């Protein structure tokens, strides 16, 4: 009987030992799972952070591109206006040159007209003088004849 009780006690002690072992393993398992979950959360957090940073960088790049496009547009507009201005100035100069040419032409024509009138007057005066001279000569000749 004593032997059986000792055997029974031994078995119970063994059983208790095994249960303790089992509990210990389960606690270990739980600890590992909690650790794993913690790491996964950390990883997710880091990825979300990374995505956020990438989105920020993209936003800045887009902003930069937009500003550059705006600048190009403004520069093109400015160039266009300058070309327009140059064109207008060239047009103005051309018109002024044309006007000057016309004025000179007009002056030349007026000078020619005056010269013609002056020549005509001169001719008429010469003609009148000639006529007067020939009349005088005619009178003198008549007087001679009368004498």
N, C-alpha and C. Protein backbone atom coordinates (compact mmCIF):
# COMPACT_ATOMS: atom_id res chain seq x y z
N UNK A 1 0.84 -1.20 0.00
CA UNK A 1 0.00 0.00 0.00
C UNK A 1 0.89 1.26 0.00
N UNK A 2 1.84 1.28 0.86
CA UNK A 2 2.76 2.43 0.94
C UNK A 2 3.42 2.63 -0.40
N UNK A 3 3.78 1.55 -1.01
CA UNK A 3 4.45 1.57 -2.30
C UNK A 3 3.54 2.23 -3.35
N UNK A 4 2.26 1.85 -3.33
CA UNK A 4 1.29 2.39 -4.28
C UNK A 4 1.11 3.89 -4.08
N UNK A 5 1.01 4.30 -2.83
CA UNK A 5 0.84 5.73 -2.52
C UNK A 5 2.05 6.53 -2.99
N UNK A 6 3.19 5.97 -2.74
CA UNK A 6 4.44 6.62 -3.18
C UNK A 6 4.43 6.75 -4.71
N UNK A 7 3.96 5.69 -5.37
CA UNK A 7 3.87 5.68 -6.84
C UNK A 7 2.90 6.76 -7.29
N UNK A 8 1.74 6.81 -6.60
CA UNK A 8 0.69 7.77 -6.91
C UNK A 8 1.22 9.19 -6.75
N UNK A 9 1.90 9.46 -5.66
CA UNK A 9 2.47 10.77 -5.36
C UNK A 9 3.47 11.15 -6.45
N UNK A 10 4.30 10.16 -6.78
CA UNK A 10 5.33 10.36 -7.80
C UNK A 10 4.67 10.80 -9.11
N UNK A 11 3.57 10.09 -9.49
CA UNK A 11 2.84 10.40 -10.72
C UNK A 11 2.24 11.80 -10.67
N UNK A 12 1.65 12.13 -9.50
CA UNK A 12 1.05 13.47 -9.35
C UNK A 12 2.10 14.57 -9.48
N UNK A 13 3.23 14.34 -8.84
CA UNK A 13 4.35 15.30 -8.92
C UNK A 13 4.77 15.44 -10.39
N UNK A 14 4.87 14.31 -11.08
CA UNK A 14 5.24 14.30 -12.51
C UNK A 14 4.22 15.10 -13.32
N UNK A 15 2.94 14.81 -13.03
CA UNK A 15 1.83 15.48 -13.74
C UNK A 15 1.89 16.98 -13.51
N UNK A 16 2.10 17.36 -12.27
CA UNK A 16 2.18 18.77 -11.91
C UNK A 16 3.33 19.44 -12.65
N UNK A 17 4.45 18.71 -12.67
CA UNK A 17 5.66 19.19 -13.33
C UNK A 17 5.36 19.46 -14.82
N UNK A 18 4.68 18.50 -15.45
CA UNK A 18 4.34 18.60 -16.87
C UNK A 18 3.41 19.80 -17.12
N UNK A 19 2.42 19.95 -16.22
CA UNK A 19 1.48 21.08 -16.36
C UNK A 19 2.20 22.42 -16.23
N UNK A 20 3.12 22.50 -15.31
CA UNK A 20 3.92 23.72 -15.13
C UNK A 20 4.69 24.01 -16.43
N UNK A 21 5.29 22.91 -16.93
CA UNK A 21 6.07 23.01 -18.18
C UNK A 21 5.19 23.55 -19.30
N UNK A 22 3.99 22.96 -19.42
CA UNK A 22 3.02 23.34 -20.45
C UNK A 22 2.64 24.81 -20.32
N UNK A 23 2.35 25.25 -19.07
CA UNK A 23 1.98 26.64 -18.80
C UNK A 23 3.11 27.58 -19.24
N UNK A 24 4.33 27.15 -18.85
CA UNK A 24 5.52 27.93 -19.17
C UNK A 24 5.65 28.11 -20.68
N UNK A 25 5.46 26.99 -21.41
CA UNK A 25 5.55 27.02 -22.89
C UNK A 25 4.49 27.93 -23.50
N UNK A 26 3.28 27.82 -22.97
CA UNK A 26 2.19 28.65 -23.49
C UNK A 26 2.45 30.14 -23.24
N UNK A 27 2.96 30.43 -22.05
CA UNK A 27 3.30 31.82 -21.72
C UNK A 27 4.38 32.32 -22.69
N UNK A 28 5.36 31.45 -22.97
CA UNK A 28 6.45 31.76 -23.91
C UNK A 28 5.87 32.05 -25.29
N UNK A 29 4.95 31.15 -25.71
CA UNK A 29 4.29 31.27 -27.01
C UNK A 29 3.55 32.60 -27.12
N UNK A 30 2.79 32.90 -26.06
CA UNK A 30 2.01 34.15 -26.02
C UNK A 30 2.94 35.36 -26.13
N UNK A 31 4.05 35.29 -25.38
CA UNK A 31 5.03 36.38 -25.37
C UNK A 31 5.57 36.61 -26.79
N UNK A 32 5.92 35.49 -27.46
CA UNK A 32 6.44 35.56 -28.84
C UNK A 32 5.42 36.19 -29.78
N UNK A 33 4.15 35.77 -29.64
CA UNK A 33 3.09 36.31 -30.50
C UNK A 33 2.91 37.81 -30.29
N UNK A 34 2.92 38.22 -29.02
CA UNK A 34 2.81 39.65 -28.69
C UNK A 34 3.97 40.41 -29.33
N UNK A 35 5.18 39.86 -29.23
CA UNK A 35 6.38 40.46 -29.81
C UNK A 35 6.23 40.62 -31.33
N UNK A 36 5.76 39.52 -31.95
CA UNK A 36 5.56 39.50 -33.41
C UNK A 36 4.56 40.57 -33.83
N UNK A 37 3.46 40.63 -33.09
CA UNK A 37 2.41 41.61 -33.38
C UNK A 37 2.97 43.03 -33.27
N UNK A 38 3.78 43.25 -32.23
CA UNK A 38 4.40 44.54 -31.98
C UNK A 38 5.29 44.93 -33.17
N UNK A 39 6.10 43.96 -33.64
CA UNK A 39 6.99 44.21 -34.78
C UNK A 39 6.20 44.55 -36.05
N UNK A 40 5.10 43.81 -36.24
CA UNK A 40 4.26 44.06 -37.42
C UNK A 40 3.65 45.46 -37.37
N UNK A 41 3.19 45.86 -36.20
CA UNK A 41 2.64 47.21 -36.01
C UNK A 41 3.70 48.25 -36.35
N UNK A 42 4.93 48.01 -35.85
CA UNK A 42 6.06 48.90 -36.09
C UNK A 42 6.32 49.04 -37.60
N UNK A 43 6.33 47.88 -38.27
CA UNK A 43 6.57 47.82 -39.72
C UNK A 43 5.51 48.62 -40.47
N UNK A 44 4.25 48.41 -40.08
CA UNK A 44 3.12 49.13 -40.71
C UNK A 44 3.29 50.63 -40.53
N UNK A 45 3.65 51.02 -39.31
CA UNK A 45 3.84 52.42 -38.98
C UNK A 45 4.94 53.03 -39.86
N UNK A 46 6.06 52.30 -40.00
CA UNK A 46 7.18 52.77 -40.80
C UNK A 46 6.78 52.92 -42.28
N UNK A 47 6.02 51.94 -42.77
CA UNK A 47 5.57 52.00 -44.17
C UNK A 47 4.63 53.18 -44.40
N UNK A 48 3.75 53.41 -43.42
CA UNK A 48 2.83 54.55 -43.53
C UNK A 48 3.63 55.85 -43.55
N UNK A 49 4.67 55.92 -42.71
CA UNK A 49 5.55 57.08 -42.63
C UNK A 49 6.24 57.30 -43.98
N UNK A 50 6.76 56.19 -44.53
CA UNK A 50 7.47 56.22 -45.82
C UNK A 50 6.53 56.75 -46.91
N UNK A 51 5.32 56.21 -46.94
CA UNK A 51 4.32 56.63 -47.94
C UNK A 51 4.03 58.12 -47.82
N UNK A 52 3.89 58.57 -46.56
CA UNK A 52 3.60 59.96 -46.27
C UNK A 52 4.72 60.86 -46.82
N UNK A 53 5.98 60.43 -46.55
CA UNK A 53 7.13 61.19 -47.01
C UNK A 53 7.17 61.24 -48.53
N UNK A 54 6.91 60.09 -49.17
CA UNK A 54 6.90 60.02 -50.64
C UNK A 54 5.83 60.93 -51.23
N UNK A 55 4.67 60.94 -50.59
CA UNK A 55 3.57 61.79 -51.06
C UNK A 55 3.97 63.27 -50.94
N UNK A 56 4.67 63.59 -49.83
CA UNK A 56 5.14 64.96 -49.59
C UNK A 56 6.12 65.37 -50.68
N UNK A 57 7.08 64.48 -50.96
CA UNK A 57 8.09 64.74 -52.01
C UNK A 57 7.42 64.95 -53.36
N UNK A 58 6.44 64.09 -53.66
CA UNK A 58 5.72 64.19 -54.94
C UNK A 58 4.99 65.54 -55.03
N UNK A 59 4.37 65.91 -53.92
CA UNK A 59 3.64 67.18 -53.85
C UNK A 59 4.59 68.35 -54.15
N UNK A 60 5.78 68.31 -53.51
CA UNK A 60 6.77 69.36 -53.73
C UNK A 60 7.24 69.39 -55.18
N UNK A 61 7.49 68.18 -55.75
CA UNK A 61 7.92 68.09 -57.16
C UNK A 61 6.86 68.67 -58.08
N UNK A 62 5.61 68.31 -57.80
CA UNK A 62 4.50 68.82 -58.62
C UNK A 62 4.43 70.33 -58.53
N UNK A 63 4.62 70.83 -57.31
CA UNK A 63 4.59 72.27 -57.07
C UNK A 63 5.70 72.95 -57.89
N UNK A 64 6.90 72.36 -57.82
CA UNK A 64 8.06 72.88 -58.54
C UNK A 64 7.81 72.90 -60.05
N UNK A 65 7.27 71.77 -60.53
CA UNK A 65 6.96 71.66 -61.98
C UNK A 65 5.96 72.72 -62.39
N UNK A 66 4.94 72.91 -61.55
CA UNK A 66 3.89 73.89 -61.81
C UNK A 66 4.49 75.30 -61.89
N UNK A 67 5.38 75.61 -60.93
CA UNK A 67 6.03 76.92 -60.91
C UNK A 67 6.90 77.13 -62.14
N UNK A 68 7.64 76.06 -62.53
CA UNK A 68 8.49 76.16 -63.72
C UNK A 68 7.65 76.39 -64.97
N UNK A 69 6.53 75.67 -65.06
CA UNK A 69 5.63 75.83 -66.21
C UNK A 69 5.09 77.26 -66.26
N UNK A 70 4.74 77.77 -65.07
CA UNK A 70 4.23 79.13 -64.94
C UNK A 70 5.29 80.14 -65.42
N UNK A 71 6.53 79.91 -64.98
CA UNK A 71 7.65 80.79 -65.35
C UNK A 71 7.86 80.77 -66.87
N UNK A 72 7.85 79.56 -67.43
CA UNK A 72 8.03 79.41 -68.88
C UNK A 72 6.95 80.19 -69.62
N UNK A 73 5.72 80.05 -69.13
CA UNK A 73 4.58 80.72 -69.74
C UNK A 73 4.78 82.24 -69.71
N UNK A 74 5.19 82.74 -68.52
CA UNK A 74 5.42 84.18 -68.36
C UNK A 74 6.53 84.66 -69.27
N UNK A 75 7.64 83.88 -69.32
CA UNK A 75 8.77 84.25 -70.18
C UNK A 75 8.34 84.30 -71.65
N UNK A 76 7.55 83.30 -72.05
CA UNK A 76 7.08 83.25 -73.44
C UNK A 76 6.20 84.47 -73.74
N UNK A 77 5.35 84.83 -72.77
CA UNK A 77 4.46 85.99 -72.90
C UNK A 77 5.29 87.26 -73.06
N UNK A 78 6.32 87.39 -72.20
CA UNK A 78 7.19 88.56 -72.22
C UNK A 78 7.90 88.66 -73.58
N UNK A 79 8.43 87.52 -74.04
CA UNK A 79 9.13 87.48 -75.33
C UNK A 79 8.19 87.91 -76.45
N UNK A 80 6.97 87.40 -76.38
CA UNK A 80 5.96 87.71 -77.40
C UNK A 80 5.69 89.22 -77.43
N UNK A 81 5.55 89.81 -76.23
CA UNK A 81 5.30 91.25 -76.14
C UNK A 81 6.48 92.04 -76.69
N UNK A 82 7.70 91.58 -76.35
CA UNK A 82 8.89 92.27 -76.85
C UNK A 82 8.97 92.21 -78.37
N UNK A 83 8.65 91.03 -78.93
CA UNK A 83 8.64 90.85 -80.39
C UNK A 83 7.62 91.82 -81.00
N UNK A 84 6.45 91.90 -80.37
CA UNK A 84 5.37 92.77 -80.82
C UNK A 84 5.85 94.22 -80.84
N UNK A 85 6.50 94.62 -79.73
CA UNK A 85 7.02 95.98 -79.59
C UNK A 85 8.03 96.28 -80.70
N UNK A 86 8.97 95.34 -80.91
CA UNK A 86 9.99 95.50 -81.96
C UNK A 86 9.33 95.67 -83.32
N UNK A 87 8.34 94.83 -83.56
CA UNK A 87 7.62 94.86 -84.83
C UNK A 87 6.96 96.22 -85.03
N UNK A 88 6.31 96.72 -83.96
CA UNK A 88 5.64 98.02 -84.03
C UNK A 88 6.63 99.14 -84.29
N UNK A 89 7.79 99.07 -83.60
CA UNK A 89 8.81 100.09 -83.78
C UNK A 89 9.36 100.07 -85.21
N UNK A 90 9.56 98.86 -85.74
CA UNK A 90 10.05 98.73 -87.11
C UNK A 90 9.03 99.31 -88.08
N UNK A 91 7.76 99.04 -87.79
CA UNK A 91 6.66 99.55 -88.62
C UNK A 91 6.67 101.08 -88.59
N UNK A 92 6.83 101.65 -87.40
CA UNK A 92 6.85 103.09 -87.19
C UNK A 92 8.00 103.72 -87.99
N UNK A 93 9.19 103.11 -87.86
CA UNK A 93 10.37 103.61 -88.57
C UNK A 93 10.13 103.58 -90.07
N UNK A 94 9.54 102.49 -90.54
CA UNK A 94 9.25 102.32 -91.96
C UNK A 94 8.32 103.44 -92.43
N UNK A 95 7.27 103.69 -91.65
CA UNK A 95 6.31 104.74 -92.00
C UNK A 95 6.98 106.11 -92.02
N UNK A 96 7.84 106.35 -90.99
CA UNK A 96 8.55 107.64 -90.94
C UNK A 96 9.46 107.80 -92.15
N UNK A 97 10.15 106.73 -92.51
CA UNK A 97 11.02 106.74 -93.69
C UNK A 97 10.24 107.03 -94.95
N UNK A 98 9.07 106.41 -95.03
CA UNK A 98 8.18 106.58 -96.18
C UNK A 98 7.74 108.04 -96.29
N UNK A 99 7.34 108.60 -95.12
CA UNK A 99 6.87 109.98 -95.07
C UNK A 99 7.98 110.95 -95.49
N UNK A 100 9.19 110.70 -94.97
CA UNK A 100 10.34 111.54 -95.30
C UNK A 100 10.59 111.52 -96.81
N UNK A 101 10.52 110.32 -97.34
CA UNK A 101 10.72 110.14 -98.79
C UNK A 101 9.68 110.95 -99.57
N UNK A 102 8.42 110.85 -99.14
CA UNK A 102 7.34 111.58 -99.80
C UNK A 102 7.55 113.09 -99.70
N UNK A 103 7.94 113.55 -98.48
CA UNK A 103 8.19 114.98 -98.27
C UNK A 103 9.30 115.48 -99.19
N UNK A 104 10.36 114.67 -99.29
CA UNK A 104 11.48 115.06 -100.16
C UNK A 104 11.04 115.10 -101.62
N UNK A 105 10.22 114.14 -101.98
CA UNK A 105 9.69 114.09 -103.36
C UNK A 105 8.88 115.36 -103.64
N UNK A 106 8.03 115.71 -102.67
CA UNK A 106 7.18 116.90 -102.79
C UNK A 106 8.04 118.16 -102.93
N UNK A 107 9.08 118.27 -102.06
CA UNK A 107 9.98 119.43 -102.12
C UNK A 107 10.64 119.52 -103.49
N UNK A 108 11.10 118.37 -103.98
CA UNK A 108 11.77 118.30 -105.27
C UNK A 108 10.82 118.79 -106.37
N UNK A 109 9.59 118.30 -106.32
CA UNK A 109 8.60 118.69 -107.32
C UNK A 109 8.33 120.19 -107.27
N UNK A 110 8.19 120.70 -106.01
CA UNK A 110 7.94 122.14 -105.87
C UNK A 110 9.12 122.97 -106.38
N UNK A 111 10.34 122.50 -106.11
CA UNK A 111 11.54 123.20 -106.60
C UNK A 111 11.56 123.21 -108.13
N UNK A 112 11.21 122.07 -108.72
CA UNK A 112 11.16 121.97 -110.19
C UNK A 112 10.11 122.91 -110.77
N UNK A 113 8.95 122.96 -110.11
CA UNK A 113 7.86 123.82 -110.54
C UNK A 113 8.31 125.29 -110.52
N UNK A 114 8.95 125.69 -109.39
CA UNK A 114 9.44 127.06 -109.25
C UNK A 114 10.44 127.39 -110.35
N UNK A 115 11.37 126.41 -110.62
CA UNK A 115 12.39 126.62 -111.65
C UNK A 115 11.74 126.83 -113.01
N UNK A 116 10.73 125.98 -113.29
CA UNK A 116 10.03 126.11 -114.57
C UNK A 116 9.38 127.47 -114.69
N UNK A 117 8.70 127.89 -113.59
CA UNK A 117 8.04 129.19 -113.60
C UNK A 117 9.06 130.31 -113.78
N UNK A 118 10.19 130.18 -113.07
CA UNK A 118 11.26 131.17 -113.17
C UNK A 118 11.81 131.22 -114.60
N UNK A 119 12.05 130.06 -115.20
CA UNK A 119 12.56 129.99 -116.58
C UNK A 119 11.56 130.61 -117.55
N UNK A 120 10.29 130.31 -117.33
CA UNK A 120 9.23 130.83 -118.19
C UNK A 120 9.20 132.36 -118.13
N UNK A 121 9.30 132.88 -116.89
CA UNK A 121 9.30 134.32 -116.65
C UNK A 121 10.48 134.97 -117.37
N UNK A 122 11.64 134.33 -117.22
CA UNK A 122 12.86 134.80 -117.84
C UNK A 122 12.69 134.87 -119.36
N UNK A 123 12.14 133.78 -119.90
CA UNK A 123 11.92 133.74 -121.36
C UNK A 123 10.99 134.84 -121.80
N UNK A 124 9.91 135.02 -121.03
CA UNK A 124 8.95 136.07 -121.38
C UNK A 124 9.59 137.45 -121.32
N UNK A 125 10.43 137.67 -120.30
CA UNK A 125 11.14 138.95 -120.19
C UNK A 125 12.06 139.16 -121.37
N UNK A 126 12.79 138.10 -121.72
CA UNK A 126 13.71 138.18 -122.87
C UNK A 126 12.93 138.49 -124.15
N UNK A 127 11.80 137.80 -124.28
CA UNK A 127 10.94 138.00 -125.45
C UNK A 127 10.47 139.45 -125.52
N UNK A 128 10.00 139.94 -124.35
CA UNK A 128 9.51 141.32 -124.28
C UNK A 128 10.64 142.30 -124.62
N UNK A 129 11.84 142.05 -124.08
CA UNK A 129 13.00 142.90 -124.36
C UNK A 129 13.30 142.89 -125.87
N UNK A 130 13.31 141.71 -126.43
CA UNK A 130 13.59 141.56 -127.86
C UNK A 130 12.58 142.35 -128.69
N UNK A 131 11.33 142.21 -128.28
CA UNK A 131 10.23 142.90 -128.98
C UNK A 131 10.43 144.41 -128.89
N UNK A 132 10.75 144.85 -127.67
CA UNK A 132 10.97 146.30 -127.45
C UNK A 132 12.15 146.78 -128.29
N UNK A 133 13.23 146.02 -128.33
CA UNK A 133 14.41 146.38 -129.12
C UNK A 133 14.10 146.46 -130.60
N UNK A 134 13.38 145.44 -131.05
CA UNK A 134 13.06 145.45 -132.48
C UNK A 134 12.12 146.60 -132.83
N UNK A 135 11.24 147.01 -131.91
CA UNK A 135 10.35 148.15 -132.11
C UNK A 135 11.18 149.44 -132.18
N UNK A 136 12.13 149.54 -131.22
CA UNK A 136 13.00 150.72 -131.20
C UNK A 136 13.77 150.83 -132.51
N UNK A 137 14.31 149.70 -132.95
CA UNK A 137 15.07 149.70 -134.20
C UNK A 137 14.20 150.08 -135.38
N UNK A 138 13.00 149.58 -135.34
CA UNK A 138 12.05 149.90 -136.43
C UNK A 138 11.77 151.39 -136.46
N UNK A 139 11.54 151.99 -135.28
CA UNK A 139 11.28 153.44 -135.21
C UNK A 139 12.49 154.23 -135.69
N UNK A 140 13.66 153.80 -135.24
CA UNK A 140 14.88 154.50 -135.67
C UNK A 140 15.03 154.44 -137.18
N UNK A 141 14.76 153.28 -137.75
CA UNK A 141 14.88 153.11 -139.19
C UNK A 141 13.90 154.04 -139.92
N UNK A 142 12.72 154.16 -139.39
CA UNK A 142 11.70 155.01 -140.01
C UNK A 142 12.13 156.49 -139.95
N UNK A 143 12.67 156.83 -138.76
CA UNK A 143 13.15 158.21 -138.60
C UNK A 143 14.29 158.50 -139.60
N UNK A 144 15.16 157.54 -139.75
CA UNK A 144 16.26 157.68 -140.73
C UNK A 144 15.69 157.91 -142.10
N UNK A 145 14.70 157.09 -142.44
CA UNK A 145 14.09 157.18 -143.76
C UNK A 145 13.39 158.50 -143.95
N UNK A 146 12.75 158.92 -142.87
CA UNK A 146 12.03 160.19 -142.97
C UNK A 146 13.03 161.34 -143.19
N UNK A 147 14.21 161.21 -142.63
CA UNK A 147 15.20 162.25 -142.82
C UNK A 147 15.69 162.15 -144.20
